[in-house]
Each structure stands twice: as C-alpha cells, then as structure tokens.
Amino acid sequence: MRKGEKIFFASLAALAVVLVAYKGWIVASDTEEDPGIPFYTTADVLVQKQASQLIRDLKCRECHTLWGTRDMTASVPSPPLDGLGSLRTEGWFFDYFSAENPQDILPSRLKLKYRMPSYSHLDETDRKILASYMASLKVEDWYLEEVKKKEYEKLTGKTYKPTDH
C-alpha cells in the first residue's frame, strides 16, 4: 500500500471514530424521557385468552389493528381497536355486538362490504367476552391528549388548546 493510500484510509477511520463518538454523545445527552407504550389492557388472563380466540375466529384483524398488528394485505380503513375501552363502556360494546345492524348504533360511511358485521348470532357469553375485552383496551391519558392535539391541528390548522377536565 502506498503512503498516500495509508493516509487516506487512516483519515477515513479517524472520521468514522469521530462520527460514532458524536452520535454517542448526542444519544447520551438526550434527556427526553420515553413515555413508553400507551396501550394496555385491564382484562384478566382468562378473558384475554378467550377474546384472542374469538378475535382470530372472527378475523377481526382483517380490518382492524390490535396491539399495532393487522393483516397487511387488508386495505379496509377500519379504526384500530387499541384504546377503545377509554372511549366506550362494556355495556356499549355489548349492545354494539348484539345489534342486528351495528350501524344503527355507530353509523359508517364505508361501503356495505366493508361495514362492521353483526355479531348478534354469537352466543351471549361470547358477546360478553368480546365486550369485556374491548372495554379493557385502554390508552394512557397523555397519549389520548396527544392524539386529540394532532387531529385538531391537522383538521383545523389552528393551535390546540386543551380543555380542563
């Protein structure tokens, strides 16, 4: 190897070391605390297992996301299920799953083939399990407030001002 090549490669290695050290310093000096994953469930293990089986059997993930996962081949613009229990009660979910036409309770603008199907044909026990599980899907307050802020600002172009609770 020639002298010029040695100097070039040595300079390149020194630059790489400086860049890695700089990146490490940036990461170490980042004091913003990671708030963690905002979604959680309050359901007991038995309800989680029973609901998971029903969700698989009913193919809910063909349209909805749950815990950030869904069928990647699906293109239905259905809402994620994460955190819905922070917005609705177990009684509301039971009535929704028991309705012959769920759109009577929560209207949809989706095409007929993409609308939420009725689960009134399921036994009452299965509908109660689904309702209990859905009501248990919670979201941290800080995340809910952040979502409201982003949606408000996206839709209105104005700065969001939180309301006092």
N, C-alpha and C. Protein backbone atom coordinates (compact mmCIF):
# COMPACT_ATOMS: atom_id res chain seq x y z
N MET A 1 0.85 -1.17 0.00
CA MET A 1 0.00 0.00 0.00
C MET A 1 0.90 1.23 0.00
N ARG A 2 0.56 2.20 -0.78
CA ARG A 2 1.34 3.44 -0.89
C ARG A 2 1.08 4.35 0.30
N LYS A 3 1.99 5.28 0.47
CA LYS A 3 1.90 6.20 1.60
C LYS A 3 0.61 7.03 1.52
N GLY A 4 0.21 7.50 0.36
CA GLY A 4 -1.00 8.30 0.18
C GLY A 4 -2.26 7.52 0.51
N GLU A 5 -2.26 6.22 0.14
CA GLU A 5 -3.40 5.37 0.46
C GLU A 5 -3.52 5.15 1.96
N LYS A 6 -2.36 4.97 2.63
CA LYS A 6 -2.38 4.78 4.08
C LYS A 6 -2.95 6.01 4.78
N ILE A 7 -2.55 7.18 4.34
CA ILE A 7 -3.05 8.43 4.93
C ILE A 7 -4.56 8.55 4.69
N PHE A 8 -5.00 8.23 3.48
CA PHE A 8 -6.42 8.31 3.15
C PHE A 8 -7.24 7.38 4.05
N PHE A 9 -6.85 6.11 4.17
CA PHE A 9 -7.59 5.15 4.98
C PHE A 9 -7.52 5.48 6.47
N ALA A 10 -6.39 5.99 6.92
CA ALA A 10 -6.26 6.39 8.32
C ALA A 10 -7.20 7.57 8.61
N SER A 11 -7.28 8.52 7.67
CA SER A 11 -8.18 9.66 7.83
C SER A 11 -9.64 9.21 7.83
N LEU A 12 -9.95 8.26 6.97
CA LEU A 12 -11.31 7.73 6.90
C LEU A 12 -11.68 7.03 8.21
N ALA A 13 -10.76 6.25 8.75
CA ALA A 13 -11.01 5.56 10.03
C ALA A 13 -11.17 6.58 11.16
N ALA A 14 -10.34 7.62 11.17
CA ALA A 14 -10.45 8.65 12.22
C ALA A 14 -11.80 9.37 12.12
N LEU A 15 -12.24 9.65 10.89
CA LEU A 15 -13.53 10.29 10.70
C LEU A 15 -14.66 9.41 11.21
N ALA A 16 -14.60 8.12 10.94
CA ALA A 16 -15.62 7.18 11.41
C ALA A 16 -15.66 7.16 12.94
N VAL A 17 -14.51 7.15 13.59
CA VAL A 17 -14.45 7.17 15.05
C VAL A 17 -15.07 8.45 15.59
N VAL A 18 -14.77 9.58 14.98
CA VAL A 18 -15.32 10.87 15.42
C VAL A 18 -16.84 10.87 15.26
N LEU A 19 -17.35 10.36 14.14
CA LEU A 19 -18.79 10.34 13.92
C LEU A 19 -19.51 9.42 14.91
N VAL A 20 -18.95 8.27 15.20
CA VAL A 20 -19.55 7.35 16.17
C VAL A 20 -19.54 7.99 17.56
N ALA A 21 -18.45 8.63 17.92
CA ALA A 21 -18.37 9.30 19.23
C ALA A 21 -19.39 10.43 19.31
N TYR A 22 -19.54 11.20 18.23
CA TYR A 22 -20.51 12.30 18.21
C TYR A 22 -21.93 11.76 18.36
N LYS A 23 -22.26 10.69 17.64
CA LYS A 23 -23.60 10.08 17.74
C LYS A 23 -23.84 9.59 19.17
N GLY A 24 -22.85 8.98 19.78
CA GLY A 24 -22.97 8.52 21.16
C GLY A 24 -23.20 9.68 22.11
N TRP A 25 -22.53 10.77 21.89
CA TRP A 25 -22.70 11.95 22.74
C TRP A 25 -24.12 12.51 22.59
N ILE A 26 -24.63 12.57 21.36
CA ILE A 26 -25.98 13.06 21.10
C ILE A 26 -27.01 12.19 21.84
N VAL A 27 -26.88 10.87 21.70
CA VAL A 27 -27.81 9.95 22.35
C VAL A 27 -27.73 10.09 23.87
N ALA A 28 -26.52 10.20 24.41
CA ALA A 28 -26.34 10.31 25.86
C ALA A 28 -26.88 11.62 26.41
N SER A 29 -26.85 12.67 25.60
CA SER A 29 -27.30 13.97 26.10
C SER A 29 -28.80 14.20 25.89
N ASP A 30 -29.47 13.24 25.24
CA ASP A 30 -30.92 13.34 25.04
C ASP A 30 -31.60 13.07 26.37
N THR A 31 -32.19 14.09 26.95
CA THR A 31 -32.79 13.94 28.28
C THR A 31 -34.30 13.72 28.23
N GLU A 32 -34.90 13.71 27.03
CA GLU A 32 -36.33 13.49 26.92
C GLU A 32 -36.65 12.05 27.32
N GLU A 33 -37.55 11.90 28.28
CA GLU A 33 -37.91 10.58 28.77
C GLU A 33 -38.90 9.91 27.82
N ASP A 34 -38.65 8.65 27.51
CA ASP A 34 -39.56 7.88 26.67
C ASP A 34 -40.78 7.52 27.52
N PRO A 35 -41.98 7.98 27.12
CA PRO A 35 -43.16 7.71 27.94
C PRO A 35 -43.63 6.26 27.87
N GLY A 36 -43.09 5.48 26.96
CA GLY A 36 -43.47 4.06 26.87
C GLY A 36 -44.65 3.84 25.94
N ILE A 37 -45.10 2.61 25.91
CA ILE A 37 -46.22 2.22 25.05
C ILE A 37 -47.52 2.68 25.71
N PRO A 38 -48.36 3.40 24.96
CA PRO A 38 -49.55 3.97 25.59
C PRO A 38 -50.73 3.03 25.76
N PHE A 39 -50.68 1.85 25.15
CA PHE A 39 -51.83 0.95 25.18
C PHE A 39 -51.65 -0.16 26.21
N TYR A 40 -52.74 -0.53 26.86
CA TYR A 40 -52.70 -1.62 27.83
C TYR A 40 -54.10 -2.19 27.99
N THR A 41 -54.19 -3.35 28.64
CA THR A 41 -55.48 -3.97 28.92
C THR A 41 -55.62 -4.18 30.42
N THR A 42 -56.85 -4.08 30.87
CA THR A 42 -57.15 -4.36 32.28
C THR A 42 -57.82 -5.72 32.43
N ALA A 43 -57.96 -6.46 31.34
CA ALA A 43 -58.63 -7.77 31.37
C ALA A 43 -57.76 -8.81 32.06
N ASP A 44 -58.42 -9.76 32.73
CA ASP A 44 -57.66 -10.85 33.34
C ASP A 44 -57.22 -11.83 32.24
N VAL A 45 -56.32 -12.71 32.60
CA VAL A 45 -55.70 -13.62 31.62
C VAL A 45 -56.74 -14.49 30.91
N LEU A 46 -57.74 -14.99 31.63
CA LEU A 46 -58.76 -15.85 31.02
C LEU A 46 -59.54 -15.09 29.94
N VAL A 47 -59.97 -13.87 30.25
CA VAL A 47 -60.71 -13.07 29.27
C VAL A 47 -59.81 -12.76 28.07
N GLN A 48 -58.54 -12.46 28.32
CA GLN A 48 -57.61 -12.19 27.22
C GLN A 48 -57.51 -13.40 26.29
N LYS A 49 -57.37 -14.59 26.86
CA LYS A 49 -57.25 -15.80 26.03
C LYS A 49 -58.54 -16.08 25.26
N GLN A 50 -59.68 -15.97 25.93
CA GLN A 50 -60.95 -16.24 25.27
C GLN A 50 -61.21 -15.22 24.16
N ALA A 51 -60.95 -13.95 24.45
CA ALA A 51 -61.17 -12.90 23.45
C ALA A 51 -60.20 -13.06 22.28
N SER A 52 -58.96 -13.41 22.57
CA SER A 52 -57.99 -13.61 21.49
C SER A 52 -58.45 -14.69 20.52
N GLN A 53 -59.01 -15.77 21.06
CA GLN A 53 -59.52 -16.84 20.20
C GLN A 53 -60.70 -16.34 19.36
N LEU A 54 -61.62 -15.60 19.98
CA LEU A 54 -62.76 -15.05 19.24
C LEU A 54 -62.29 -14.08 18.15
N ILE A 55 -61.31 -13.25 18.47
CA ILE A 55 -60.79 -12.28 17.50
C ILE A 55 -60.17 -13.01 16.31
N ARG A 56 -59.47 -14.12 16.58
CA ARG A 56 -58.93 -14.93 15.48
C ARG A 56 -60.06 -15.57 14.68
N ASP A 57 -61.01 -16.19 15.38
CA ASP A 57 -62.11 -16.88 14.69
C ASP A 57 -62.95 -15.92 13.84
N LEU A 58 -63.17 -14.73 14.35
CA LEU A 58 -64.00 -13.74 13.64
C LEU A 58 -63.20 -12.93 12.62
N LYS A 59 -61.89 -13.16 12.58
CA LYS A 59 -60.99 -12.49 11.63
C LYS A 59 -61.03 -10.95 11.76
N CYS A 60 -61.07 -10.49 12.99
CA CYS A 60 -61.15 -9.05 13.25
C CYS A 60 -59.95 -8.29 12.67
N ARG A 61 -58.78 -8.95 12.67
CA ARG A 61 -57.56 -8.28 12.19
C ARG A 61 -57.49 -8.15 10.68
N GLU A 62 -58.47 -8.69 9.98
CA GLU A 62 -58.52 -8.46 8.54
C GLU A 62 -58.87 -7.00 8.27
N CYS A 63 -59.54 -6.36 9.23
CA CYS A 63 -59.94 -4.96 9.07
C CYS A 63 -59.31 -4.04 10.12
N HIS A 64 -59.16 -4.54 11.35
CA HIS A 64 -58.71 -3.71 12.47
C HIS A 64 -57.27 -4.03 12.87
N THR A 65 -56.61 -3.04 13.47
CA THR A 65 -55.32 -3.30 14.12
C THR A 65 -55.59 -3.49 15.60
N LEU A 66 -54.77 -4.32 16.22
CA LEU A 66 -54.83 -4.55 17.66
C LEU A 66 -53.41 -4.79 18.11
N TRP A 67 -52.97 -4.03 19.10
CA TRP A 67 -51.59 -4.06 19.58
C TRP A 67 -50.63 -3.77 18.42
N GLY A 68 -51.07 -2.91 17.53
CA GLY A 68 -50.21 -2.48 16.42
C GLY A 68 -50.08 -3.47 15.29
N THR A 69 -50.80 -4.59 15.31
CA THR A 69 -50.68 -5.57 14.23
C THR A 69 -52.01 -5.76 13.53
N ARG A 70 -51.91 -6.04 12.24
CA ARG A 70 -53.10 -6.32 11.43
C ARG A 70 -52.67 -7.08 10.20
N ASP A 71 -53.64 -7.57 9.47
CA ASP A 71 -53.37 -8.28 8.23
C ASP A 71 -52.87 -7.25 7.22
N MET A 72 -51.62 -7.39 6.81
CA MET A 72 -51.00 -6.40 5.92
C MET A 72 -51.60 -6.41 4.51
N THR A 73 -52.34 -7.45 4.15
CA THR A 73 -52.95 -7.49 2.82
C THR A 73 -54.30 -6.77 2.79
N ALA A 74 -54.81 -6.43 3.96
CA ALA A 74 -56.12 -5.77 4.04
C ALA A 74 -55.98 -4.28 3.78
N SER A 75 -56.99 -3.71 3.17
CA SER A 75 -56.95 -2.27 2.89
C SER A 75 -58.22 -1.58 3.37
N VAL A 76 -58.89 -2.17 4.33
CA VAL A 76 -60.13 -1.59 4.86
C VAL A 76 -59.76 -0.50 5.86
N PRO A 77 -60.32 0.70 5.71
CA PRO A 77 -59.97 1.81 6.62
C PRO A 77 -60.74 1.76 7.94
N SER A 78 -60.64 0.64 8.64
CA SER A 78 -61.35 0.48 9.91
C SER A 78 -60.49 1.01 11.04
N PRO A 79 -61.13 1.43 12.13
CA PRO A 79 -60.36 2.01 13.24
C PRO A 79 -59.54 0.96 13.98
N PRO A 80 -58.40 1.38 14.54
CA PRO A 80 -57.66 0.47 15.41
C PRO A 80 -58.48 0.20 16.67
N LEU A 81 -58.27 -0.96 17.27
CA LEU A 81 -59.01 -1.32 18.48
C LEU A 81 -58.29 -0.88 19.75
N ASP A 82 -57.00 -0.59 19.63
CA ASP A 82 -56.21 -0.15 20.79
C ASP A 82 -56.82 1.08 21.43
N GLY A 83 -57.06 1.01 22.71
CA GLY A 83 -57.54 2.17 23.46
C GLY A 83 -59.02 2.44 23.40
N LEU A 84 -59.80 1.63 22.69
CA LEU A 84 -61.23 1.91 22.57
C LEU A 84 -61.96 1.85 23.91
N GLY A 85 -61.43 1.07 24.84
CA GLY A 85 -62.04 0.98 26.16
C GLY A 85 -61.94 2.28 26.95
N SER A 86 -61.08 3.19 26.51
CA SER A 86 -61.00 4.51 27.15
C SER A 86 -62.11 5.42 26.63
N LEU A 87 -62.77 5.00 25.55
CA LEU A 87 -63.80 5.83 24.93
C LEU A 87 -65.22 5.27 25.09
N ARG A 88 -65.33 3.95 25.29
CA ARG A 88 -66.65 3.30 25.36
C ARG A 88 -66.71 2.38 26.57
N THR A 89 -67.93 2.08 27.01
CA THR A 89 -68.12 1.19 28.17
C THR A 89 -68.37 -0.24 27.72
N GLU A 90 -68.27 -1.16 28.67
CA GLU A 90 -68.55 -2.56 28.38
C GLU A 90 -70.00 -2.74 27.92
N GLY A 91 -70.93 -2.01 28.55
CA GLY A 91 -72.33 -2.08 28.14
C GLY A 91 -72.53 -1.61 26.71
N TRP A 92 -71.83 -0.54 26.34
CA TRP A 92 -71.93 -0.03 24.97
C TRP A 92 -71.43 -1.10 23.99
N PHE A 93 -70.28 -1.72 24.29
CA PHE A 93 -69.75 -2.76 23.40
C PHE A 93 -70.71 -3.95 23.29
N PHE A 94 -71.30 -4.36 24.42
CA PHE A 94 -72.23 -5.48 24.38
C PHE A 94 -73.42 -5.15 23.48
N ASP A 95 -73.98 -3.95 23.63
CA ASP A 95 -75.10 -3.55 22.79
C ASP A 95 -74.70 -3.51 21.32
N TYR A 96 -73.49 -3.02 21.05
CA TYR A 96 -72.98 -2.93 19.68
C TYR A 96 -72.83 -4.32 19.06
N PHE A 97 -72.22 -5.25 19.82
CA PHE A 97 -72.03 -6.61 19.31
C PHE A 97 -73.34 -7.38 19.22
N SER A 98 -74.35 -6.96 19.98
CA SER A 98 -75.65 -7.65 19.98
C SER A 98 -76.61 -7.10 18.92
N ALA A 99 -76.30 -5.95 18.36
CA ALA A 99 -77.20 -5.30 17.41
C ALA A 99 -77.29 -6.08 16.10
N GLU A 100 -78.51 -6.19 15.58
CA GLU A 100 -78.71 -6.79 14.26
C GLU A 100 -78.00 -5.96 13.19
N ASN A 101 -78.01 -4.65 13.38
CA ASN A 101 -77.33 -3.74 12.46
C ASN A 101 -76.49 -2.76 13.29
N PRO A 102 -75.18 -3.05 13.45
CA PRO A 102 -74.33 -2.19 14.27
C PRO A 102 -74.30 -0.72 13.81
N GLN A 103 -74.61 -0.47 12.53
CA GLN A 103 -74.61 0.90 12.01
C GLN A 103 -75.74 1.73 12.61
N ASP A 104 -76.74 1.07 13.21
CA ASP A 104 -77.78 1.82 13.93
C ASP A 104 -77.20 2.47 15.19
N ILE A 105 -76.16 1.85 15.74
CA ILE A 105 -75.52 2.38 16.96
C ILE A 105 -74.37 3.31 16.60
N LEU A 106 -73.56 2.91 15.63
CA LEU A 106 -72.42 3.71 15.20
C LEU A 106 -72.42 3.75 13.67
N PRO A 107 -73.00 4.80 13.09
CA PRO A 107 -73.08 4.88 11.62
C PRO A 107 -71.71 4.82 10.95
N SER A 108 -71.69 4.25 9.76
CA SER A 108 -70.46 4.11 9.00
C SER A 108 -70.64 4.68 7.60
N ARG A 109 -69.57 5.31 7.09
CA ARG A 109 -69.61 5.81 5.72
C ARG A 109 -68.91 4.85 4.76
N LEU A 110 -68.48 3.69 5.29
CA LEU A 110 -67.80 2.71 4.45
C LEU A 110 -68.79 2.04 3.52
N LYS A 111 -68.27 1.51 2.42
CA LYS A 111 -69.10 0.72 1.51
C LYS A 111 -69.67 -0.46 2.28
N LEU A 112 -70.81 -0.94 1.87
CA LEU A 112 -71.52 -2.01 2.56
C LEU A 112 -70.63 -3.22 2.85
N LYS A 113 -69.82 -3.63 1.88
CA LYS A 113 -68.99 -4.83 2.07
C LYS A 113 -67.90 -4.63 3.13
N TYR A 114 -67.59 -3.38 3.50
CA TYR A 114 -66.55 -3.11 4.49
C TYR A 114 -67.11 -2.75 5.87
N ARG A 115 -68.41 -2.67 5.99
CA ARG A 115 -69.00 -2.27 7.26
C ARG A 115 -68.88 -3.37 8.30
N MET A 116 -68.92 -2.95 9.57
CA MET A 116 -68.84 -3.89 10.68
C MET A 116 -70.01 -4.86 10.60
N PRO A 117 -69.70 -6.17 10.63
CA PRO A 117 -70.80 -7.15 10.58
C PRO A 117 -71.50 -7.25 11.93
N SER A 118 -72.67 -7.80 11.92
CA SER A 118 -73.41 -8.05 13.16
C SER A 118 -72.87 -9.32 13.81
N TYR A 119 -72.72 -9.27 15.13
CA TYR A 119 -72.33 -10.46 15.88
C TYR A 119 -73.47 -10.91 16.78
N SER A 120 -74.71 -10.51 16.43
CA SER A 120 -75.87 -10.90 17.22
C SER A 120 -76.10 -12.41 17.18
N HIS A 121 -75.52 -13.09 16.17
CA HIS A 121 -75.66 -14.54 16.06
C HIS A 121 -74.77 -15.30 17.06
N LEU A 122 -73.77 -14.62 17.64
CA LEU A 122 -72.90 -15.28 18.63
C LEU A 122 -73.67 -15.51 19.92
N ASP A 123 -73.25 -16.53 20.71
CA ASP A 123 -73.91 -16.69 22.00
C ASP A 123 -73.64 -15.47 22.85
N GLU A 124 -74.53 -15.29 23.79
CA GLU A 124 -74.44 -14.15 24.70
C GLU A 124 -73.09 -14.17 25.44
N THR A 125 -72.63 -15.35 25.81
CA THR A 125 -71.35 -15.49 26.52
C THR A 125 -70.20 -14.93 25.68
N ASP A 126 -70.16 -15.28 24.40
CA ASP A 126 -69.10 -14.79 23.52
C ASP A 126 -69.18 -13.28 23.35
N ARG A 127 -70.39 -12.75 23.21
CA ARG A 127 -70.55 -11.30 23.08
C ARG A 127 -70.11 -10.59 24.36
N LYS A 128 -70.38 -11.21 25.51
CA LYS A 128 -69.95 -10.63 26.79
C LYS A 128 -68.42 -10.64 26.91
N ILE A 129 -67.79 -11.72 26.45
CA ILE A 129 -66.32 -11.80 26.46
C ILE A 129 -65.73 -10.70 25.58
N LEU A 130 -66.26 -10.58 24.36
CA LEU A 130 -65.76 -9.52 23.46
C LEU A 130 -65.97 -8.14 24.06
N ALA A 131 -67.14 -7.89 24.62
CA ALA A 131 -67.44 -6.59 25.21
C ALA A 131 -66.51 -6.30 26.38
N SER A 132 -66.30 -7.30 27.22
CA SER A 132 -65.42 -7.13 28.37
C SER A 132 -64.00 -6.82 27.91
N TYR A 133 -63.53 -7.55 26.92
CA TYR A 133 -62.16 -7.34 26.43
C TYR A 133 -62.01 -5.97 25.77
N MET A 134 -62.96 -5.61 24.92
CA MET A 134 -62.87 -4.32 24.23
C MET A 134 -62.88 -3.17 25.24
N ALA A 135 -63.70 -3.30 26.27
CA ALA A 135 -63.76 -2.25 27.30
C ALA A 135 -62.47 -2.20 28.11
N SER A 136 -61.71 -3.29 28.10
CA SER A 136 -60.44 -3.33 28.85
C SER A 136 -59.28 -2.73 28.08
N LEU A 137 -59.46 -2.47 26.79
CA LEU A 137 -58.37 -1.93 25.96
C LEU A 137 -58.26 -0.43 26.22
N LYS A 138 -57.31 -0.06 27.04
CA LYS A 138 -57.17 1.33 27.49
C LYS A 138 -55.97 2.01 26.82
N VAL A 139 -55.97 3.32 26.95
CA VAL A 139 -54.86 4.12 26.45
C VAL A 139 -54.50 5.13 27.53
N GLU A 140 -53.22 5.38 27.68
CA GLU A 140 -52.75 6.35 28.68
C GLU A 140 -53.29 7.74 28.34
N ASP A 141 -53.63 8.51 29.39
CA ASP A 141 -54.21 9.85 29.20
C ASP A 141 -53.31 10.75 28.36
N TRP A 142 -51.98 10.70 28.58
CA TRP A 142 -51.06 11.57 27.83
C TRP A 142 -51.15 11.30 26.34
N TYR A 143 -51.34 10.04 25.96
CA TYR A 143 -51.41 9.69 24.54
C TYR A 143 -52.72 10.17 23.93
N LEU A 144 -53.80 9.98 24.67
CA LEU A 144 -55.12 10.43 24.20
C LEU A 144 -55.10 11.93 23.94
N GLU A 145 -54.49 12.67 24.85
CA GLU A 145 -54.39 14.13 24.70
C GLU A 145 -53.53 14.49 23.48
N GLU A 146 -52.45 13.74 23.27
CA GLU A 146 -51.57 13.99 22.12
C GLU A 146 -52.29 13.73 20.80
N VAL A 147 -53.11 12.67 20.75
CA VAL A 147 -53.88 12.34 19.55
C VAL A 147 -54.90 13.44 19.27
N LYS A 148 -55.60 13.89 20.31
CA LYS A 148 -56.57 14.97 20.14
C LYS A 148 -55.90 16.21 19.57
N LYS A 149 -54.72 16.54 20.10
CA LYS A 149 -53.97 17.72 19.65
C LYS A 149 -53.60 17.60 18.17
N LYS A 150 -53.04 16.46 17.79
CA LYS A 150 -52.61 16.28 16.39
C LYS A 150 -53.80 16.31 15.44
N GLU A 151 -54.88 15.63 15.80
CA GLU A 151 -56.07 15.62 14.94
C GLU A 151 -56.67 17.01 14.81
N TYR A 152 -56.78 17.73 15.91
CA TYR A 152 -57.34 19.09 15.90
C TYR A 152 -56.50 19.99 14.99
N GLU A 153 -55.19 19.95 15.18
CA GLU A 153 -54.32 20.82 14.39
C GLU A 153 -54.31 20.42 12.92
N LYS A 154 -54.41 19.12 12.63
CA LYS A 154 -54.44 18.66 11.24
C LYS A 154 -55.74 19.10 10.57
N LEU A 155 -56.85 18.99 11.28
CA LEU A 155 -58.15 19.29 10.69
C LEU A 155 -58.45 20.80 10.61
N THR A 156 -57.95 21.56 11.58
CA THR A 156 -58.31 22.99 11.63
C THR A 156 -57.18 23.93 11.21
N GLY A 157 -55.93 23.46 11.33
CA GLY A 157 -54.80 24.35 11.05
C GLY A 157 -54.54 25.32 12.20
N LYS A 158 -55.25 25.15 13.30
CA LYS A 158 -55.10 26.03 14.46
C LYS A 158 -54.34 25.31 15.56
N THR A 159 -53.80 26.09 16.50
CA THR A 159 -53.10 25.52 17.64
C THR A 159 -54.11 24.95 18.63
N TYR A 160 -53.85 23.75 19.09
CA TYR A 160 -54.75 23.06 20.02
C TYR A 160 -54.60 23.65 21.42
N LYS A 161 -55.74 23.90 22.05
CA LYS A 161 -55.77 24.36 23.43
C LYS A 161 -56.54 23.32 24.22
N PRO A 162 -55.84 22.56 25.10
CA PRO A 162 -56.55 21.52 25.85
C PRO A 162 -57.63 22.08 26.75
N THR A 163 -58.68 21.29 26.90
CA THR A 163 -59.77 21.70 27.79
C THR A 163 -59.46 21.19 29.19
N ASP A 164 -59.88 21.93 30.18
CA ASP A 164 -59.70 21.48 31.56
C ASP A 164 -60.74 20.43 31.86
N HIS A 165 -60.32 19.41 32.57
CA HIS A 165 -61.24 18.30 32.89
C HIS A 165 -62.02 18.59 34.12
